[in-house]
PDB file of N, CA and C in Angstrom:
ATOM      1  N   MET A   1       0.837  -1.179   0.000  1.00  0.00           N
ATOM      2  CA  MET A   1       0.000   0.000   0.000  1.00  0.00           C
ATOM      3  C   MET A   1       0.882   1.241   0.000  1.00  0.00           C
ATOM      4  N   LYS A   2       0.301   2.302  -0.478  1.00  0.00           N
ATOM      5  CA  LYS A   2       1.003   3.568  -0.595  1.00  0.00           C
ATOM      6  C   LYS A   2       0.305   4.614   0.274  1.00  0.00           C
ATOM      7  N   ILE A   3       1.083   5.458   0.941  1.00  0.00           N
ATOM      8  CA  ILE A   3       0.530   6.546   1.744  1.00  0.00           C
ATOM      9  C   ILE A   3       1.066   7.858   1.177  1.00  0.00           C
ATOM     10  N   ILE A   4       0.136   8.743   0.845  1.00  0.00           N
ATOM     11  CA  ILE A   4       0.504  10.016   0.236  1.00  0.00           C
ATOM     12  C   ILE A   4      -0.015  11.161   1.096  1.00  0.00           C
ATOM     13  N   ASN A   5       0.845  12.147   1.328  1.00  0.00           N
ATOM     14  CA  ASN A   5       0.413  13.394   1.951  1.00  0.00           C
ATOM     15  C   ASN A   5      -0.088  14.257   0.799  1.00  0.00           C
ATOM     16  N   VAL A   6      -1.401  14.329   0.633  1.00  0.00           N
ATOM     17  CA  VAL A   6      -2.008  15.044  -0.481  1.00  0.00           C
ATOM     18  C   VAL A   6      -1.720  16.536  -0.381  1.00  0.00           C
ATOM     19  N   THR A   7      -1.752  17.065   0.815  1.00  0.00           N
ATOM     20  CA  THR A   7      -1.527  18.493   1.028  1.00  0.00           C
ATOM     21  C   THR A   7      -0.144  18.919   0.553  1.00  0.00           C
ATOM     22  N   LYS A   8       0.866  18.123   0.858  1.00  0.00           N
ATOM     23  CA  LYS A   8       2.246  18.473   0.512  1.00  0.00           C
ATOM     24  C   LYS A   8       2.723  17.773  -0.764  1.00  0.00           C
ATOM     25  N   ASP A   9       1.839  16.962  -1.375  1.00  0.00           N
ATOM     26  CA  ASP A   9       2.173  16.208  -2.581  1.00  0.00           C
ATOM     27  C   ASP A   9       3.463  15.407  -2.370  1.00  0.00           C
ATOM     28  N   ALA A  10       3.473  14.628  -1.287  1.00  0.00           N
ATOM     29  CA  ALA A  10       4.656  13.839  -0.925  1.00  0.00           C
ATOM     30  C   ALA A  10       4.254  12.403  -0.628  1.00  0.00           C
ATOM     31  N   VAL A  11       5.009  11.468  -1.172  1.00  0.00           N
ATOM     32  CA  VAL A  11       4.793  10.058  -0.859  1.00  0.00           C
ATOM     33  C   VAL A  11       5.495   9.768   0.466  1.00  0.00           C
ATOM     34  N   LEU A  12       4.723   9.322   1.449  1.00  0.00           N
ATOM     35  CA  LEU A  12       5.286   9.008   2.752  1.00  0.00           C
ATOM     36  C   LEU A  12       5.759   7.559   2.811  1.00  0.00           C
ATOM     37  N   ALA A  13       5.075   6.678   2.093  1.00  0.00           N
ATOM     38  CA  ALA A  13       5.456   5.264   2.088  1.00  0.00           C
ATOM     39  C   ALA A  13       4.894   4.593   0.847  1.00  0.00           C
ATOM     40  N   ASP A  14       5.649   3.646   0.325  1.00  0.00           N
ATOM     41  CA  ASP A  14       5.134   2.834  -0.771  1.00  0.00           C
ATOM     42  C   ASP A  14       5.109   1.354  -0.404  1.00  0.00           C
ATOM     43  N   GLU A  15       5.489   1.061   0.853  1.00  0.00           N
ATOM     44  CA  GLU A  15       5.435  -0.298   1.393  1.00  0.00           C
ATOM     45  C   GLU A  15       4.745  -0.281   2.746  1.00  0.00           C
ATOM     46  N   ALA A  16       3.498   0.168   2.767  1.00  0.00           N
ATOM     47  CA  ALA A  16       2.759   0.252   4.025  1.00  0.00           C
ATOM     48  C   ALA A  16       1.985  -1.039   4.267  1.00  0.00           C
ATOM     49  N   ILE A  17       1.958  -1.441   5.524  1.00  0.00           N
ATOM     50  CA  ILE A  17       1.138  -2.580   5.915  1.00  0.00           C
ATOM     51  C   ILE A  17       0.086  -2.090   6.902  1.00  0.00           C
ATOM     52  N   ILE A  18      -1.051  -2.777   6.924  1.00  0.00           N
ATOM     53  CA  ILE A  18      -2.121  -2.400   7.846  1.00  0.00           C
ATOM     54  C   ILE A  18      -2.179  -3.406   8.983  1.00  0.00           C
ATOM     55  N   ALA A  19      -2.151  -2.896  10.192  1.00  0.00           N
ATOM     56  CA  ALA A  19      -2.309  -3.712  11.398  1.00  0.00           C
ATOM     57  C   ALA A  19      -3.719  -3.447  11.906  1.00  0.00           C
ATOM     58  N   ASP A  20      -4.653  -4.301  11.504  1.00  0.00           N
ATOM     59  CA  ASP A  20      -6.057  -4.062  11.832  1.00  0.00           C
ATOM     60  C   ASP A  20      -6.705  -5.210  12.603  1.00  0.00           C
ATOM     61  N   THR A  21      -5.882  -6.122  13.105  1.00  0.00           N
ATOM     62  CA  THR A  21      -6.391  -7.167  13.993  1.00  0.00           C
ATOM     63  C   THR A  21      -5.654  -7.046  15.320  1.00  0.00           C
ATOM     64  N   PHE A  22      -6.188  -7.676  16.341  1.00  0.00           N
ATOM     65  CA  PHE A  22      -5.561  -7.584  17.659  1.00  0.00           C
ATOM     66  C   PHE A  22      -4.093  -8.027  17.611  1.00  0.00           C
ATOM     67  N   LEU A  23      -3.815  -9.155  16.990  1.00  0.00           N
ATOM     68  CA  LEU A  23      -2.441  -9.666  16.953  1.00  0.00           C
ATOM     69  C   LEU A  23      -1.509  -8.783  16.129  1.00  0.00           C
ATOM     70  N   LYS A  24      -1.986  -8.284  14.997  1.00  0.00           N
ATOM     71  CA  LYS A  24      -1.154  -7.401  14.168  1.00  0.00           C
ATOM     72  C   LYS A  24      -0.875  -6.089  14.893  1.00  0.00           C
ATOM     73  N   ARG A  25      -1.897  -5.550  15.579  1.00  0.00           N
ATOM     74  CA  ARG A  25      -1.696  -4.305  16.338  1.00  0.00           C
ATOM     75  C   ARG A  25      -0.745  -4.534  17.499  1.00  0.00           C
ATOM     76  N   LEU A  26      -0.875  -5.681  18.151  1.00  0.00           N
ATOM     77  CA  LEU A  26      -0.014  -6.003  19.283  1.00  0.00           C
ATOM     78  C   LEU A  26       1.446  -6.086  18.845  1.00  0.00           C
ATOM     79  N   ARG A  27       1.683  -6.733  17.713  1.00  0.00           N
ATOM     80  CA  ARG A  27       3.049  -6.911  17.233  1.00  0.00           C
ATOM     81  C   ARG A  27       3.623  -5.597  16.703  1.00  0.00           C
ATOM     82  N   GLY A  28       2.902  -4.913  15.815  1.00  0.00           N
ATOM     83  CA  GLY A  28       3.381  -3.657  15.249  1.00  0.00           C
ATOM     84  C   GLY A  28       4.808  -3.787  14.762  1.00  0.00           C
ATOM     85  N   LEU A  29       5.691  -2.934  15.275  1.00  0.00           N
ATOM     86  CA  LEU A  29       7.105  -2.953  14.900  1.00  0.00           C
ATOM     87  C   LEU A  29       7.971  -3.708  15.905  1.00  0.00           C
ATOM     88  N   LEU A  30       7.352  -4.304  16.920  1.00  0.00           N
ATOM     89  CA  LEU A  30       8.142  -5.014  17.917  1.00  0.00           C
ATOM     90  C   LEU A  30       8.957  -6.120  17.262  1.00  0.00           C
ATOM     91  N   GLY A  31      10.205  -6.182  17.608  1.00  0.00           N
ATOM     92  CA  GLY A  31      11.085  -7.202  17.067  1.00  0.00           C
ATOM     93  C   GLY A  31      11.773  -6.792  15.779  1.00  0.00           C
ATOM     94  N   SER A  32      11.335  -5.700  15.165  1.00  0.00           N
ATOM     95  CA  SER A  32      11.976  -5.236  13.941  1.00  0.00           C
ATOM     96  C   SER A  32      13.344  -4.658  14.258  1.00  0.00           C
ATOM     97  N   LYS A  33      14.310  -4.959  13.415  1.00  0.00           N
ATOM     98  CA  LYS A  33      15.666  -4.451  13.623  1.00  0.00           C
ATOM     99  C   LYS A  33      15.894  -3.117  12.935  1.00  0.00           C
ATOM    100  N   GLU A  34      15.088  -2.843  11.918  1.00  0.00           N
ATOM    101  CA  GLU A  34      15.221  -1.573  11.208  1.00  0.00           C
ATOM    102  C   GLU A  34      13.889  -1.180  10.594  1.00  0.00           C
ATOM    103  N   PHE A  35      13.796   0.077  10.243  1.00  0.00           N
ATOM    104  CA  PHE A  35      12.594   0.641   9.635  1.00  0.00           C
ATOM    105  C   PHE A  35      13.097   1.528   8.514  1.00  0.00           C
ATOM    106  N   LYS A  36      12.974   1.068   7.291  1.00  0.00           N
ATOM    107  CA  LYS A  36      13.567   1.753   6.142  1.00  0.00           C
ATOM    108  C   LYS A  36      12.623   2.797   5.562  1.00  0.00           C
ATOM    109  N   ASN A  37      13.215   3.805   4.914  1.00  0.00           N
ATOM    110  CA  ASN A  37      12.402   4.783   4.193  1.00  0.00           C
ATOM    111  C   ASN A  37      11.547   4.040   3.187  1.00  0.00           C
ATOM    112  N   GLY A  38      10.307   4.467   3.060  1.00  0.00           N
ATOM    113  CA  GLY A  38       9.360   3.819   2.170  1.00  0.00           C
ATOM    114  C   GLY A  38       8.444   2.855   2.890  1.00  0.00           C
ATOM    115  N   GLN A  39       8.809   2.460   4.108  1.00  0.00           N
ATOM    116  CA  GLN A  39       7.985   1.547   4.886  1.00  0.00           C
ATOM    117  C   GLN A  39       7.091   2.327   5.855  1.00  0.00           C
ATOM    118  N   ALA A  40       5.971   1.718   6.211  1.00  0.00           N
ATOM    119  CA  ALA A  40       5.060   2.315   7.196  1.00  0.00           C
ATOM    120  C   ALA A  40       4.163   1.225   7.758  1.00  0.00           C
ATOM    121  N   VAL A  41       3.658   1.484   8.961  1.00  0.00           N
ATOM    122  CA  VAL A  41       2.655   0.626   9.571  1.00  0.00           C
ATOM    123  C   VAL A  41       1.460   1.499   9.894  1.00  0.00           C
ATOM    124  N   VAL A  42       0.287   1.093   9.410  1.00  0.00           N
ATOM    125  CA  VAL A  42      -0.968   1.787   9.702  1.00  0.00           C
ATOM    126  C   VAL A  42      -1.704   0.941  10.729  1.00  0.00           C
ATOM    127  N   ILE A  43      -1.949   1.516  11.899  1.00  0.00           N
ATOM    128  CA  ILE A  43      -2.608   0.789  12.983  1.00  0.00           C
ATOM    129  C   ILE A  43      -4.027   1.326  13.132  1.00  0.00           C
ATOM    130  N   LYS A  44      -5.010   0.425  12.957  1.00  0.00           N
ATOM    131  CA  LYS A  44      -6.406   0.828  13.113  1.00  0.00           C
ATOM    132  C   LYS A  44      -7.205  -0.263  13.792  1.00  0.00           C
ATOM    133  N   PRO A  45      -8.130   0.117  14.618  1.00  0.00           N
ATOM    134  CA  PRO A  45      -8.323   1.461  15.158  1.00  0.00           C
ATOM    135  C   PRO A  45      -7.239   1.767  16.183  1.00  0.00           C
ATOM    136  N   CYS A  46      -6.937   3.034  16.340  1.00  0.00           N
ATOM    137  CA  CYS A  46      -5.860   3.402  17.267  1.00  0.00           C
ATOM    138  C   CYS A  46      -5.884   4.904  17.517  1.00  0.00           C
ATOM    139  N   ASN A  47      -5.693   5.293  18.783  1.00  0.00           N
ATOM    140  CA  ASN A  47      -5.585   6.713  19.112  1.00  0.00           C
ATOM    141  C   ASN A  47      -4.441   7.003  20.078  1.00  0.00           C
ATOM    142  N   SER A  48      -3.635   5.980  20.374  1.00  0.00           N
ATOM    143  CA  SER A  48      -2.473   6.118  21.251  1.00  0.00           C
ATOM    144  C   SER A  48      -1.553   4.928  20.989  1.00  0.00           C
ATOM    145  N   ILE A  49      -0.242   5.149  21.115  1.00  0.00           N
ATOM    146  CA  ILE A  49       0.700   4.044  20.905  1.00  0.00           C
ATOM    147  C   ILE A  49       1.748   4.024  22.000  1.00  0.00           C
ATOM    148  N   HIS A  50       2.512   2.941  22.021  1.00  0.00           N
ATOM    149  CA  HIS A  50       3.696   2.862  22.877  1.00  0.00           C
ATOM    150  C   HIS A  50       4.855   2.382  22.024  1.00  0.00           C
ATOM    151  N   THR A  51       6.056   2.636  22.504  1.00  0.00           N
ATOM    152  CA  THR A  51       7.257   2.172  21.793  1.00  0.00           C
ATOM    153  C   THR A  51       8.104   1.278  22.705  1.00  0.00           C
ATOM    154  N   PHE A  52       7.438   0.571  23.614  1.00  0.00           N
ATOM    155  CA  PHE A  52       8.155  -0.347  24.491  1.00  0.00           C
ATOM    156  C   PHE A  52       8.866  -1.410  23.663  1.00  0.00           C
ATOM    157  N   PHE A  53      10.079  -1.717  24.041  1.00  0.00           N
ATOM    158  CA  PHE A  53      10.892  -2.784  23.443  1.00  0.00           C
ATOM    159  C   PHE A  53      11.277  -2.529  21.990  1.00  0.00           C
ATOM    160  N   MET A  54      11.098  -1.324  21.514  1.00  0.00           N
ATOM    161  CA  MET A  54      11.540  -1.008  20.153  1.00  0.00           C
ATOM    162  C   MET A  54      13.007  -0.627  20.184  1.00  0.00           C
ATOM    163  N   ARG A  55      13.666  -0.787  19.062  1.00  0.00           N
ATOM    164  CA  ARG A  55      15.115  -0.575  18.974  1.00  0.00           C
ATOM    165  C   ARG A  55      15.496   0.755  18.341  1.00  0.00           C
ATOM    166  N   PHE A  56      14.507   1.537  17.938  1.00  0.00           N
ATOM    167  CA  PHE A  56      14.800   2.776  17.217  1.00  0.00           C
ATOM    168  C   PHE A  56      13.637   3.754  17.396  1.00  0.00           C
ATOM    169  N   PRO A  57      13.907   5.058  17.221  1.00  0.00           N
ATOM    170  CA  PRO A  57      12.817   6.042  17.287  1.00  0.00           C
ATOM    171  C   PRO A  57      11.983   5.978  16.005  1.00  0.00           C
ATOM    172  N   ILE A  58      10.760   6.480  16.077  1.00  0.00           N
ATOM    173  CA  ILE A  58       9.877   6.523  14.909  1.00  0.00           C
ATOM    174  C   ILE A  58       9.161   7.869  14.842  1.00  0.00           C
ATOM    175  N   ASP A  59       8.655   8.196  13.656  1.00  0.00           N
ATOM    176  CA  ASP A  59       7.739   9.321  13.491  1.00  0.00           C
ATOM    177  C   ASP A  59       6.327   8.754  13.522  1.00  0.00           C
ATOM    178  N   VAL A  60       5.392   9.504  14.087  1.00  0.00           N
ATOM    179  CA  VAL A  60       4.027   8.998  14.261  1.00  0.00           C
ATOM    180  C   VAL A  60       3.019  10.068  13.839  1.00  0.00           C
ATOM    181  N   LEU A  61       2.031   9.638  13.045  1.00  0.00           N
ATOM    182  CA  LEU A  61       0.933  10.510  12.646  1.00  0.00           C
ATOM    183  C   LEU A  61      -0.360   9.970  13.234  1.00  0.00           C
ATOM    184  N   PHE A  62      -1.110  10.819  13.903  1.00  0.00           N
ATOM    185  CA  PHE A  62      -2.423  10.468  14.431  1.00  0.00           C
ATOM    186  C   PHE A  62      -3.448  11.092  13.489  1.00  0.00           C
ATOM    187  N   VAL A  63      -4.355  10.254  12.959  1.00  0.00           N
ATOM    188  CA  VAL A  63      -5.199  10.676  11.850  1.00  0.00           C
ATOM    189  C   VAL A  63      -6.685  10.454  12.186  1.00  0.00           C
ATOM    190  N   ASP A  64      -7.535  11.405  11.783  1.00  0.00           N
ATOM    191  CA  ASP A  64      -8.969  11.295  12.071  1.00  0.00           C
ATOM    192  C   ASP A  64      -9.721  10.554  10.963  1.00  0.00           C
ATOM    193  N   LYS A  65     -11.030  10.449  11.108  1.00  0.00           N
ATOM    194  CA  LYS A  65     -11.854   9.672  10.167  1.00  0.00           C
ATOM    195  C   LYS A  65     -11.875  10.272   8.768  1.00  0.00           C
ATOM    196  N   ASN A  66     -11.511  11.544   8.632  1.00  0.00           N
ATOM    197  CA  ASN A  66     -11.476  12.203   7.325  1.00  0.00           C
ATOM    198  C   ASN A  66     -10.070  12.200   6.719  1.00  0.00           C
ATOM    199  N   HIS A  67      -9.182  11.428   7.321  1.00  0.00           N
ATOM    200  CA  HIS A  67      -7.781  11.298   6.879  1.00  0.00           C
ATOM    201  C   HIS A  67      -6.968  12.583   7.075  1.00  0.00           C
ATOM    202  N   LYS A  68      -7.415  13.397   8.014  1.00  0.00           N
ATOM    203  CA  LYS A  68      -6.694  14.628   8.358  1.00  0.00           C
ATOM    204  C   LYS A  68      -5.772  14.335   9.541  1.00  0.00           C
ATOM    205  N   ILE A  69      -4.536  14.766   9.439  1.00  0.00           N
ATOM    206  CA  ILE A  69      -3.571  14.548  10.517  1.00  0.00           C
ATOM    207  C   ILE A  69      -3.920  15.450  11.698  1.00  0.00           C
ATOM    208  N   ILE A  70      -4.146  14.821  12.843  1.00  0.00           N
ATOM    209  CA  ILE A  70      -4.454  15.550  14.076  1.00  0.00           C
ATOM    210  C   ILE A  70      -3.163  15.987  14.761  1.00  0.00           C
ATOM    211  N   ALA A  71      -2.183  15.078  14.776  1.00  0.00           N
ATOM    212  CA  ALA A  71      -0.905  15.365  15.428  1.00  0.00           C
ATOM    213  C   ALA A  71       0.211  14.618  14.706  1.00  0.00           C
ATOM    214  N   ALA A  72       1.370  15.255  14.655  1.00  0.00           N
ATOM    215  CA  ALA A  72       2.554  14.647  14.058  1.00  0.00           C
ATOM    216  C   ALA A  72       3.658  14.662  15.120  1.00  0.00           C
ATOM    217  N   VAL A  73       4.115  13.478  15.503  1.00  0.00           N
ATOM    218  CA  VAL A  73       5.143  13.347  16.541  1.00  0.00           C
ATOM    219  C   VAL A  73       6.421  12.867  15.870  1.00  0.00           C
ATOM    220  N   SER A  74       7.442  13.679  15.937  1.00  0.00           N
ATOM    221  CA  SER A  74       8.708  13.365  15.286  1.00  0.00           C
ATOM    222  C   SER A  74       9.688  12.719  16.267  1.00  0.00           C
ATOM    223  N   HIS A  75      10.386  11.702  15.813  1.00  0.00           N
ATOM    224  CA  HIS A  75      11.432  11.024  16.594  1.00  0.00           C
ATOM    225  C   HIS A  75      10.957  10.569  17.978  1.00  0.00           C
ATOM    226  N   MET A  76       9.838   9.866  18.021  1.00  0.00           N
ATOM    227  CA  MET A  76       9.366   9.325  19.303  1.00  0.00           C
ATOM    228  C   MET A  76      10.341   8.220  19.727  1.00  0.00           C
ATOM    229  N   PRO A  77      11.000   8.393  20.869  1.00  0.00           N
ATOM    230  CA  PRO A  77      12.005   7.414  21.296  1.00  0.00           C
ATOM    231  C   PRO A  77      11.393   6.106  21.793  1.00  0.00           C
ATOM    232  N   ALA A  78      12.239   5.110  21.911  1.00  0.00           N
ATOM    233  CA  ALA A  78      11.822   3.821  22.464  1.00  0.00           C
ATOM    234  C   ALA A  78      11.392   3.986  23.921  1.00  0.00           C
ATOM    235  N   PHE A  79      10.537   3.073  24.372  1.00  0.00           N
ATOM    236  CA  PHE A  79      10.061   3.016  25.756  1.00  0.00           C
ATOM    237  C   PHE A  79       9.281   4.261  26.176  1.00  0.00           C
ATOM    238  N   ARG A  80       8.427   4.734  25.282  1.00  0.00           N
ATOM    239  CA  ARG A  80       7.555   5.873  25.575  1.00  0.00           C
ATOM    240  C   ARG A  80       6.102   5.505  25.277  1.00  0.00           C
ATOM    241  N   ILE A  81       5.189   6.296  25.836  1.00  0.00           N
ATOM    242  CA  ILE A  81       3.763   6.171  25.560  1.00  0.00           C
ATOM    243  C   ILE A  81       3.295   7.526  25.032  1.00  0.00           C
ATOM    244  N   SER A  82       2.563   7.499  23.943  1.00  0.00           N
ATOM    245  CA  SER A  82       2.038   8.755  23.401  1.00  0.00           C
ATOM    246  C   SER A  82       0.850   9.205  24.232  1.00  0.00           C
ATOM    247  N   LYS A  83       0.481  10.465  24.075  1.00  0.00           N
ATOM    248  CA  LYS A  83      -0.769  10.904  24.676  1.00  0.00           C
ATOM    249  C   LYS A  83      -1.907  10.319  23.856  1.00  0.00           C
ATOM    250  N   ILE A  84      -3.099  10.372  24.379  1.00  0.00           N
ATOM    251  CA  ILE A  84      -4.273   9.853  23.683  1.00  0.00           C
ATOM    252  C   ILE A  84      -4.875  10.990  22.860  1.00  0.00           C
ATOM    253  N   TYR A  85      -5.082  10.714  21.573  1.00  0.00           N
ATOM    254  CA  TYR A  85      -5.741  11.668  20.684  1.00  0.00           C
ATOM    255  C   TYR A  85      -7.136  11.112  20.410  1.00  0.00           C
ATOM    256  N   PHE A  86      -8.106  11.606  21.160  1.00  0.00           N
ATOM    257  CA  PHE A  86      -9.444  11.030  21.160  1.00  0.00           C
ATOM    258  C   PHE A  86     -10.124  11.068  19.792  1.00  0.00           C
ATOM    259  N   ASN A  87      -9.758  12.007  18.931  1.00  0.00           N
ATOM    260  CA  ASN A  87     -10.371  12.083  17.603  1.00  0.00           C
ATOM    261  C   ASN A  87      -9.650  11.232  16.558  1.00  0.00           C
ATOM    262  N   ALA A  88      -8.542  10.636  16.927  1.00  0.00           N
ATOM    263  CA  ALA A  88      -7.807   9.798  15.971  1.00  0.00           C
ATOM    264  C   ALA A  88      -8.489   8.448  15.809  1.00  0.00           C
ATOM    265  N   VAL A  89      -8.537   7.968  14.579  1.00  0.00           N
ATOM    266  CA  VAL A  89      -9.085   6.641  14.323  1.00  0.00           C
ATOM    267  C   VAL A  89      -8.003   5.678  13.849  1.00  0.00           C
ATOM    268  N   TYR A  90      -6.888   6.232  13.371  1.00  0.00           N
ATOM    269  CA  TYR A  90      -5.743   5.389  13.039  1.00  0.00           C
ATOM    270  C   TYR A  90      -4.446   6.146  13.198  1.00  0.00           C
ATOM    271  N   VAL A  91      -3.375   5.366  13.245  1.00  0.00           N
ATOM    272  CA  VAL A  91      -2.033   5.904  13.427  1.00  0.00           C
ATOM    273  C   VAL A  91      -1.161   5.397  12.294  1.00  0.00           C
ATOM    274  N   VAL A  92      -0.274   6.257  11.814  1.00  0.00           N
ATOM    275  CA  VAL A  92       0.712   5.855  10.822  1.00  0.00           C
ATOM    276  C   VAL A  92       2.087   5.967  11.472  1.00  0.00           C
ATOM    277  N   GLU A  93       2.794   4.843  11.534  1.00  0.00           N
ATOM    278  CA  GLU A  93       4.161   4.837  12.054  1.00  0.00           C
ATOM    279  C   GLU A  93       5.114   4.863  10.866  1.00  0.00           C
ATOM    280  N   LEU A  94       6.085   5.773  10.929  1.00  0.00           N
ATOM    281  CA  LEU A  94       7.023   5.999   9.831  1.00  0.00           C
ATOM    282  C   LEU A  94       8.461   6.018  10.351  1.00  0.00           C
ATOM    283  N   PRO A  95       9.430   5.839   9.470  1.00  0.00           N
ATOM    284  CA  PRO A  95      10.824   5.957   9.908  1.00  0.00           C
ATOM    285  C   PRO A  95      11.110   7.365  10.455  1.00  0.00           C
ATOM    286  N   ALA A  96      11.915   7.436  11.484  1.00  0.00           N
ATOM    287  CA  ALA A  96      12.246   8.720  12.103  1.00  0.00           C
ATOM    288  C   ALA A  96      12.880   9.659  11.087  1.00  0.00           C
ATOM    289  N   GLY A  97      12.430  10.905  11.109  1.00  0.00           N
ATOM    290  CA  GLY A  97      12.971  11.933  10.229  1.00  0.00           C
ATOM    291  C   GLY A  97      12.101  12.221   9.019  1.00  0.00           C
ATOM    292  N   LEU A  98      11.167  11.333   8.705  1.00  0.00           N
ATOM    293  CA  LEU A  98      10.343  11.507   7.508  1.00  0.00           C
ATOM    294  C   LEU A  98       9.383  12.684   7.622  1.00  0.00           C
ATOM    295  N   ILE A  99       8.861  12.919   8.817  1.00  0.00           N
ATOM    296  CA  ILE A  99       7.955  14.058   9.013  1.00  0.00           C
ATOM    297  C   ILE A  99       8.672  15.352   8.634  1.00  0.00           C
ATOM    298  N   LYS A 100       9.897  15.485   9.085  1.00  0.00           N
ATOM    299  CA  LYS A 100      10.664  16.703   8.799  1.00  0.00           C
ATOM    300  C   LYS A 100      11.016  16.819   7.320  1.00  0.00           C
ATOM    301  N   THR A 101      11.503  15.736   6.730  1.00  0.00           N
ATOM    302  CA  THR A 101      11.952  15.819   5.334  1.00  0.00           C
ATOM    303  C   THR A 101      10.798  16.039   4.356  1.00  0.00           C
ATOM    304  N   THR A 102       9.580  15.648   4.724  1.00  0.00           N
ATOM    305  CA  THR A 102       8.419  15.855   3.850  1.00  0.00           C
ATOM    306  C   THR A 102       7.568  17.052   4.280  1.00  0.00           C
ATOM    307  N   SER A 103       7.962  17.731   5.342  1.00  0.00           N
ATOM    308  CA  SER A 103       7.223  18.877   5.896  1.00  0.00           C
ATOM    309  C   SER A 103       5.792  18.508   6.267  1.00  0.00           C
ATOM    310  N   THR A 104       5.586  17.263   6.647  1.00  0.00           N
ATOM    311  CA  THR A 104       4.258  16.798   7.058  1.00  0.00           C
ATOM    312  C   THR A 104       3.902  17.404   8.413  1.00  0.00           C
ATOM    313  N   SER A 105       2.647  17.853   8.545  1.00  0.00           N
ATOM    314  CA  SER A 105       2.244  18.490   9.799  1.00  0.00           C
ATOM    315  C   SER A 105       0.750  18.296  10.048  1.00  0.00           C
ATOM    316  N   ALA A 106       0.335  18.635  11.257  1.00  0.00           N
ATOM    317  CA  ALA A 106      -1.083  18.577  11.621  1.00  0.00           C
ATOM    318  C   ALA A 106      -1.874  19.432  10.637  1.00  0.00           C
ATOM    319  N   GLY A 107      -3.025  18.912  10.234  1.00  0.00           N
ATOM    320  CA  GLY A 107      -3.863  19.616   9.273  1.00  0.00           C
ATOM    321  C   GLY A 107      -3.731  19.078   7.851  1.00  0.00           C
ATOM    322  N   ASP A 108      -2.637  18.395   7.560  1.00  0.00           N
ATOM    323  CA  ASP A 108      -2.445  17.806   6.221  1.00  0.00           C
ATOM    324  C   ASP A 108      -3.416  16.653   6.021  1.00  0.00           C
ATOM    325  N   LEU A 109      -3.760  16.397   4.764  1.00  0.00           N
ATOM    326  CA  LEU A 109      -4.645  15.281   4.414  1.00  0.00           C
ATOM    327  C   LEU A 109      -3.840  14.132   3.820  1.00  0.00           C
ATOM    328  N   LEU A 110      -4.182  12.906   4.238  1.00  0.00           N
ATOM    329  CA  LEU A 110      -3.516  11.721   3.731  1.00  0.00           C
ATOM    330  C   LEU A 110      -4.430  10.952   2.790  1.00  0.00           C
ATOM    331  N   GLU A 111      -3.806  10.193   1.905  1.00  0.00           N
ATOM    332  CA  GLU A 111      -4.520   9.261   1.042  1.00  0.00           C
ATOM    333  C   GLU A 111      -3.789   7.934   1.132  1.00  0.00           C
ATOM    334  N   ILE A 112      -4.563   6.868   1.318  1.00  0.00           N
ATOM    335  CA  ILE A 112      -3.985   5.520   1.373  1.00  0.00           C
ATOM    336  C   ILE A 112      -4.517   4.745   0.179  1.00  0.00           C
ATOM    337  N   GLU A 113      -3.594   4.282  -0.652  1.00  0.00           N
ATOM    338  CA  GLU A 113      -3.986   3.532  -1.857  1.00  0.00           C
ATOM    339  C   GLU A 113      -3.598   2.084  -1.702  1.00  0.00           C
TER     340      GLU A 113
END
C-alpha cells in the first residue's frame, strides 16, 4: 500500500502494511531491527501508541476519520507512551525523520492507496 500526503504532494510510504487485527496491532514494529524509508505501519483502530521494546525512534501521525492529521510526533524514542488523541481513528508509524523531510504536519490530508 502507498501513503501520500495530499496536502504536501509527498509520498510518505510505498510499502505500508495495515495492522487491523488484535495480533497485528499487538506486534506492530516489535522485534523489527530496522525501519527503512518507504515503509510504514498503519494501525487501526488506534488513538495512542507505545514504543516499548523497540530498537529505534519513529515518526508517528495520528489521523482522524477524514484522513486529516491531528498530530505529528517526530522522533518518538523507544520506551515511551504517546498521549491519547481522542479524535484519531488510526495511526501511521514511519521511519524517524520523515515528518521533517516531507514537511508533514497537523492539518495535512492523507490518502492511502
